[in-house]
Amino acid sequence: MGRDAVAAFARWMRVSEADIAGQMGLEPPLTPALVGAAVVRILTDAACAGEVGFRITADGAQPMSAVG
């Protein structure tokens, strides 16, 4: 989610941008290096082969089947 989307959603919800970012797991922000490392893991780790979707955060890639 980009900064403009976070700002618009925060205005709509009448909360701070920091609240939205915290609730959606957007802190710390993703960097190209973090996303690149997650994509490499998804493409090379055999444990990821059966998964259809992933959530990428600063903690890495999580299979959507494991996201609550």
PDB file of N, CA and C in Angstrom:
ATOM      1  N   MET A   1       0.857  -1.157   0.000  1.00  0.00           N
ATOM      2  CA  MET A   1       0.000   0.000   0.000  1.00  0.00           C
ATOM      3  C   MET A   1       0.912   1.230   0.000  1.00  0.00           C
ATOM      4  N   GLY A   2       0.682   2.147  -0.914  1.00  0.00           N
ATOM      5  CA  GLY A   2       1.511   3.337  -1.022  1.00  0.00           C
ATOM      6  C   GLY A   2       1.134   4.417  -0.014  1.00  0.00           C
ATOM      7  N   ARG A   3       1.996   5.405   0.088  1.00  0.00           N
ATOM      8  CA  ARG A   3       1.777   6.494   1.052  1.00  0.00           C
ATOM      9  C   ARG A   3       0.466   7.224   0.818  1.00  0.00           C
ATOM     10  N   ASP A   4       0.149   7.487  -0.449  1.00  0.00           N
ATOM     11  CA  ASP A   4      -1.104   8.192  -0.741  1.00  0.00           C
ATOM     12  C   ASP A   4      -2.310   7.376  -0.301  1.00  0.00           C
ATOM     13  N   ALA A   5      -2.257   6.081  -0.516  1.00  0.00           N
ATOM     14  CA  ALA A   5      -3.360   5.216  -0.111  1.00  0.00           C
ATOM     15  C   ALA A   5      -3.487   5.173   1.409  1.00  0.00           C
ATOM     16  N   VAL A   6      -2.366   5.100   2.105  1.00  0.00           N
ATOM     17  CA  VAL A   6      -2.391   5.104   3.565  1.00  0.00           C
ATOM     18  C   VAL A   6      -2.982   6.418   4.068  1.00  0.00           C
ATOM     19  N   ALA A   7      -2.545   7.522   3.488  1.00  0.00           N
ATOM     20  CA  ALA A   7      -3.048   8.835   3.910  1.00  0.00           C
ATOM     21  C   ALA A   7      -4.552   8.948   3.668  1.00  0.00           C
ATOM     22  N   ALA A   8      -5.013   8.514   2.502  1.00  0.00           N
ATOM     23  CA  ALA A   8      -6.442   8.586   2.184  1.00  0.00           C
ATOM     24  C   ALA A   8      -7.258   7.687   3.110  1.00  0.00           C
ATOM     25  N   PHE A   9      -6.773   6.490   3.351  1.00  0.00           N
ATOM     26  CA  PHE A   9      -7.488   5.569   4.224  1.00  0.00           C
ATOM     27  C   PHE A   9      -7.536   6.106   5.647  1.00  0.00           C
ATOM     28  N   ALA A  10      -6.426   6.685   6.115  1.00  0.00           N
ATOM     29  CA  ALA A  10      -6.392   7.265   7.462  1.00  0.00           C
ATOM     30  C   ALA A  10      -7.401   8.408   7.585  1.00  0.00           C
ATOM     31  N   ARG A  11      -7.460   9.260   6.563  1.00  0.00           N
ATOM     32  CA  ARG A  11      -8.457  10.348   6.593  1.00  0.00           C
ATOM     33  C   ARG A  11      -9.867   9.777   6.637  1.00  0.00           C
ATOM     34  N   TRP A  12     -10.141   8.769   5.823  1.00  0.00           N
ATOM     35  CA  TRP A  12     -11.454   8.160   5.760  1.00  0.00           C
ATOM     36  C   TRP A  12     -11.841   7.525   7.106  1.00  0.00           C
ATOM     37  N   MET A  13     -10.859   6.877   7.753  1.00  0.00           N
ATOM     38  CA  MET A  13     -11.100   6.222   9.046  1.00  0.00           C
ATOM     39  C   MET A  13     -11.022   7.187  10.226  1.00  0.00           C
ATOM     40  N   ARG A  14     -10.543   8.396   9.953  1.00  0.00           N
ATOM     41  CA  ARG A  14     -10.355   9.431  10.988  1.00  0.00           C
ATOM     42  C   ARG A  14      -9.386   8.973  12.082  1.00  0.00           C
ATOM     43  N   VAL A  15      -8.277   8.393  11.631  1.00  0.00           N
ATOM     44  CA  VAL A  15      -7.186   7.988  12.521  1.00  0.00           C
ATOM     45  C   VAL A  15      -5.881   8.465  11.903  1.00  0.00           C
ATOM     46  N   SER A  16      -4.797   8.312  12.631  1.00  0.00           N
ATOM     47  CA  SER A  16      -3.501   8.761  12.111  1.00  0.00           C
ATOM     48  C   SER A  16      -2.948   7.761  11.093  1.00  0.00           C
ATOM     49  N   GLU A  17      -2.077   8.258  10.250  1.00  0.00           N
ATOM     50  CA  GLU A  17      -1.406   7.389   9.278  1.00  0.00           C
ATOM     51  C   GLU A  17      -0.580   6.323   9.995  1.00  0.00           C
ATOM     52  N   ALA A  18       0.019   6.698  11.126  1.00  0.00           N
ATOM     53  CA  ALA A  18       0.810   5.735  11.898  1.00  0.00           C
ATOM     54  C   ALA A  18      -0.065   4.593  12.411  1.00  0.00           C
ATOM     55  N   ASP A  19      -1.295   4.906  12.809  1.00  0.00           N
ATOM     56  CA  ASP A  19      -2.212   3.856  13.265  1.00  0.00           C
ATOM     57  C   ASP A  19      -2.512   2.869  12.134  1.00  0.00           C
ATOM     58  N   ILE A  20      -2.785   3.395  10.950  1.00  0.00           N
ATOM     59  CA  ILE A  20      -3.075   2.534   9.802  1.00  0.00           C
ATOM     60  C   ILE A  20      -1.859   1.687   9.462  1.00  0.00           C
ATOM     61  N   ALA A  21      -0.698   2.303   9.410  1.00  0.00           N
ATOM     62  CA  ALA A  21       0.527   1.577   9.068  1.00  0.00           C
ATOM     63  C   ALA A  21       0.795   0.472  10.084  1.00  0.00           C
ATOM     64  N   GLY A  22       0.581   0.757  11.350  1.00  0.00           N
ATOM     65  CA  GLY A  22       0.792  -0.250  12.383  1.00  0.00           C
ATOM     66  C   GLY A  22      -0.190  -1.397  12.291  1.00  0.00           C
ATOM     67  N   GLN A  23      -1.462  -1.080  12.057  1.00  0.00           N
ATOM     68  CA  GLN A  23      -2.499  -2.102  11.972  1.00  0.00           C
ATOM     69  C   GLN A  23      -2.326  -3.001  10.757  1.00  0.00           C
ATOM     70  N   MET A  24      -1.793  -2.452   9.686  1.00  0.00           N
ATOM     71  CA  MET A  24      -1.674  -3.222   8.450  1.00  0.00           C
ATOM     72  C   MET A  24      -0.291  -3.848   8.275  1.00  0.00           C
ATOM     73  N   GLY A  25       0.556  -3.722   9.268  1.00  0.00           N
ATOM     74  CA  GLY A  25       1.884  -4.324   9.176  1.00  0.00           C
ATOM     75  C   GLY A  25       2.796  -3.632   8.188  1.00  0.00           C
ATOM     76  N   LEU A  26       2.619  -2.319   8.040  1.00  0.00           N
ATOM     77  CA  LEU A  26       3.411  -1.565   7.065  1.00  0.00           C
ATOM     78  C   LEU A  26       4.646  -0.917   7.680  1.00  0.00           C
ATOM     79  N   GLU A  27       4.890  -1.163   8.946  1.00  0.00           N
ATOM     80  CA  GLU A  27       6.067  -0.617   9.616  1.00  0.00           C
ATOM     81  C   GLU A  27       6.964  -1.751  10.041  1.00  0.00           C
ATOM     82  N   PRO A  28       8.234  -1.699   9.845  1.00  0.00           N
ATOM     83  CA  PRO A  28       8.958  -0.700   9.073  1.00  0.00           C
ATOM     84  C   PRO A  28       8.631  -0.849   7.588  1.00  0.00           C
ATOM     85  N   PRO A  29       8.824   0.218   6.832  1.00  0.00           N
ATOM     86  CA  PRO A  29       8.487   0.168   5.411  1.00  0.00           C
ATOM     87  C   PRO A  29       9.348  -0.834   4.647  1.00  0.00           C
ATOM     88  N   LEU A  30       8.763  -1.392   3.600  1.00  0.00           N
ATOM     89  CA  LEU A  30       9.511  -2.320   2.746  1.00  0.00           C
ATOM     90  C   LEU A  30      10.499  -1.557   1.882  1.00  0.00           C
ATOM     91  N   THR A  31      11.648  -2.139   1.694  1.00  0.00           N
ATOM     92  CA  THR A  31      12.661  -1.583   0.801  1.00  0.00           C
ATOM     93  C   THR A  31      12.797  -2.522  -0.388  1.00  0.00           C
ATOM     94  N   PRO A  32      13.377  -2.049  -1.477  1.00  0.00           N
ATOM     95  CA  PRO A  32      13.613  -2.955  -2.608  1.00  0.00           C
ATOM     96  C   PRO A  32      14.427  -4.192  -2.212  1.00  0.00           C
ATOM     97  N   ALA A  33      15.371  -4.023  -1.302  1.00  0.00           N
ATOM     98  CA  ALA A  33      16.194  -5.154  -0.874  1.00  0.00           C
ATOM     99  C   ALA A  33      15.370  -6.190  -0.124  1.00  0.00           C
ATOM    100  N   LEU A  34      14.460  -5.753   0.747  1.00  0.00           N
ATOM    101  CA  LEU A  34      13.605  -6.683   1.481  1.00  0.00           C
ATOM    102  C   LEU A  34      12.674  -7.451   0.539  1.00  0.00           C
ATOM    103  N   VAL A  35      12.064  -6.737  -0.389  1.00  0.00           N
ATOM    104  CA  VAL A  35      11.159  -7.383  -1.342  1.00  0.00           C
ATOM    105  C   VAL A  35      11.941  -8.342  -2.231  1.00  0.00           C
ATOM    106  N   GLY A  36      13.102  -7.923  -2.704  1.00  0.00           N
ATOM    107  CA  GLY A  36      13.925  -8.786  -3.544  1.00  0.00           C
ATOM    108  C   GLY A  36      14.312 -10.070  -2.842  1.00  0.00           C
ATOM    109  N   ALA A  37      14.725  -9.965  -1.584  1.00  0.00           N
ATOM    110  CA  ALA A  37      15.103 -11.155  -0.819  1.00  0.00           C
ATOM    111  C   ALA A  37      13.904 -12.084  -0.635  1.00  0.00           C
ATOM    112  N   ALA A  38      12.730 -11.514  -0.390  1.00  0.00           N
ATOM    113  CA  ALA A  38      11.530 -12.331  -0.222  1.00  0.00           C
ATOM    114  C   ALA A  38      11.172 -13.038  -1.522  1.00  0.00           C
ATOM    115  N   VAL A  39      11.254 -12.342  -2.636  1.00  0.00           N
ATOM    116  CA  VAL A  39      10.930 -12.948  -3.931  1.00  0.00           C
ATOM    117  C   VAL A  39      11.919 -14.068  -4.261  1.00  0.00           C
ATOM    118  N   VAL A  40      13.190 -13.857  -4.002  1.00  0.00           N
ATOM    119  CA  VAL A  40      14.187 -14.912  -4.248  1.00  0.00           C
ATOM    120  C   VAL A  40      13.859 -16.137  -3.407  1.00  0.00           C
ATOM    121  N   ARG A  41      13.491 -15.927  -2.145  1.00  0.00           N
ATOM    122  CA  ARG A  41      13.136 -17.067  -1.287  1.00  0.00           C
ATOM    123  C   ARG A  41      11.913 -17.794  -1.837  1.00  0.00           C
ATOM    124  N   ILE A  42      10.897 -17.056  -2.248  1.00  0.00           N
ATOM    125  CA  ILE A  42       9.677 -17.669  -2.784  1.00  0.00           C
ATOM    126  C   ILE A  42      10.001 -18.528  -4.008  1.00  0.00           C
ATOM    127  N   LEU A  43      10.889 -18.027  -4.856  1.00  0.00           N
ATOM    128  CA  LEU A  43      11.207 -18.725  -6.101  1.00  0.00           C
ATOM    129  C   LEU A  43      12.187 -19.879  -5.937  1.00  0.00           C
ATOM    130  N   THR A  44      12.954 -19.891  -4.852  1.00  0.00           N
ATOM    131  CA  THR A  44      13.993 -20.909  -4.715  1.00  0.00           C
ATOM    132  C   THR A  44      13.760 -21.897  -3.578  1.00  0.00           C
ATOM    133  N   ASP A  45      12.885 -21.592  -2.645  1.00  0.00           N
ATOM    134  CA  ASP A  45      12.646 -22.467  -1.491  1.00  0.00           C
ATOM    135  C   ASP A  45      11.558 -23.485  -1.856  1.00  0.00           C
ATOM    136  N   ALA A  46      11.907 -24.760  -1.837  1.00  0.00           N
ATOM    137  CA  ALA A  46      10.957 -25.814  -2.206  1.00  0.00           C
ATOM    138  C   ALA A  46       9.726 -25.801  -1.302  1.00  0.00           C
ATOM    139  N   ALA A  47       9.856 -25.334  -0.074  1.00  0.00           N
ATOM    140  CA  ALA A  47       8.724 -25.277   0.850  1.00  0.00           C
ATOM    141  C   ALA A  47       7.654 -24.296   0.371  1.00  0.00           C
ATOM    142  N   CYS A  48       8.004 -23.387  -0.505  1.00  0.00           N
ATOM    143  CA  CYS A  48       7.060 -22.392  -1.019  1.00  0.00           C
ATOM    144  C   CYS A  48       6.323 -22.869  -2.270  1.00  0.00           C
ATOM    145  N   ALA A  49       6.713 -23.994  -2.811  1.00  0.00           N
ATOM    146  CA  ALA A  49       6.198 -24.441  -4.111  1.00  0.00           C
ATOM    147  C   ALA A  49       4.689 -24.639  -4.145  1.00  0.00           C
ATOM    148  N   GLY A  50       4.101 -25.106  -3.081  1.00  0.00           N
ATOM    149  CA  GLY A  50       2.673 -25.390  -3.085  1.00  0.00           C
ATOM    150  C   GLY A  50       1.794 -24.208  -2.725  1.00  0.00           C
ATOM    151  N   GLU A  51       2.395 -23.086  -2.433  1.00  0.00           N
ATOM    152  CA  GLU A  51       1.633 -21.905  -2.018  1.00  0.00           C
ATOM    153  C   GLU A  51       1.192 -21.086  -3.220  1.00  0.00           C
ATOM    154  N   VAL A  52       0.031 -20.472  -3.101  1.00  0.00           N
ATOM    155  CA  VAL A  52      -0.517 -19.667  -4.193  1.00  0.00           C
ATOM    156  C   VAL A  52      -0.204 -18.186  -4.003  1.00  0.00           C
ATOM    157  N   GLY A  53      -0.210 -17.713  -2.760  1.00  0.00           N
ATOM    158  CA  GLY A  53       0.014 -16.292  -2.502  1.00  0.00           C
ATOM    159  C   GLY A  53       0.854 -16.086  -1.256  1.00  0.00           C
ATOM    160  N   PHE A  54       1.485 -14.918  -1.206  1.00  0.00           N
ATOM    161  CA  PHE A  54       2.356 -14.587  -0.085  1.00  0.00           C
ATOM    162  C   PHE A  54       2.107 -13.157   0.359  1.00  0.00           C
ATOM    163  N   ARG A  55       2.304 -12.904   1.639  1.00  0.00           N
ATOM    164  CA  ARG A  55       2.298 -11.551   2.187  1.00  0.00           C
ATOM    165  C   ARG A  55       3.746 -11.215   2.497  1.00  0.00           C
ATOM    166  N   ILE A  56       4.227 -10.126   1.937  1.00  0.00           N
ATOM    167  CA  ILE A  56       5.611  -9.724   2.160  1.00  0.00           C
ATOM    168  C   ILE A  56       5.628  -8.541   3.111  1.00  0.00           C
ATOM    169  N   THR A  57       6.341  -8.727   4.223  1.00  0.00           N
ATOM    170  CA  THR A  57       6.530  -7.659   5.211  1.00  0.00           C
ATOM    171  C   THR A  57       8.023  -7.539   5.474  1.00  0.00           C
ATOM    172  N   ALA A  58       8.381  -6.658   6.381  1.00  0.00           N
ATOM    173  CA  ALA A  58       9.791  -6.507   6.742  1.00  0.00           C
ATOM    174  C   ALA A  58      10.348  -7.783   7.364  1.00  0.00           C
ATOM    175  N   ASP A  59       9.463  -8.668   7.848  1.00  0.00           N
ATOM    176  CA  ASP A  59       9.890  -9.934   8.417  1.00  0.00           C
ATOM    177  C   ASP A  59      10.096 -11.022   7.367  1.00  0.00           C
ATOM    178  N   GLY A  60       9.777 -10.714   6.114  1.00  0.00           N
ATOM    179  CA  GLY A  60       9.949 -11.681   5.033  1.00  0.00           C
ATOM    180  C   GLY A  60       8.623 -12.051   4.412  1.00  0.00           C
ATOM    181  N   ALA A  61       8.630 -13.160   3.677  1.00  0.00           N
ATOM    182  CA  ALA A  61       7.432 -13.641   2.980  1.00  0.00           C
ATOM    183  C   ALA A  61       6.716 -14.677   3.844  1.00  0.00           C
ATOM    184  N   GLN A  62       5.423 -14.485   3.989  1.00  0.00           N
ATOM    185  CA  GLN A  62       4.593 -15.457   4.704  1.00  0.00           C
ATOM    186  C   GLN A  62       3.549 -15.994   3.731  1.00  0.00           C
ATOM    187  N   PRO A  63       3.381 -17.314   3.677  1.00  0.00           N
ATOM    188  CA  PRO A  63       2.335 -17.859   2.822  1.00  0.00           C
ATOM    189  C   PRO A  63       0.965 -17.367   3.308  1.00  0.00           C
ATOM    190  N   MET A  64       0.088 -17.043   2.379  1.00  0.00           N
ATOM    191  CA  MET A  64      -1.246 -16.570   2.759  1.00  0.00           C
ATOM    192  C   MET A  64      -2.010 -17.629   3.529  1.00  0.00           C
ATOM    193  N   SER A  65      -1.688 -18.899   3.314  1.00  0.00           N
ATOM    194  CA  SER A  65      -2.356 -19.962   4.061  1.00  0.00           C
ATOM    195  C   SER A  65      -2.013 -19.897   5.551  1.00  0.00           C
ATOM    196  N   ALA A  66      -0.918 -19.226   5.902  1.00  0.00           N
ATOM    197  CA  ALA A  66      -0.512 -19.101   7.299  1.00  0.00           C
ATOM    198  C   ALA A  66      -0.900 -17.766   7.925  1.00  0.00           C
ATOM    199  N   VAL A  67      -1.405 -16.832   7.099  1.00  0.00           N
ATOM    200  CA  VAL A  67      -1.770 -15.519   7.606  1.00  0.00           C
ATOM    201  C   VAL A  67      -3.186 -15.605   8.151  1.00  0.00           C
ATOM    202  N   GLY A  68      -3.347 -15.196   9.417  1.00  0.00           N
ATOM    203  CA  GLY A  68      -4.666 -15.277  10.076  1.00  0.00           C
ATOM    204  C   GLY A  68      -5.503 -14.190   9.675  1.00  0.00           C
TER     205      GLY A  68
END
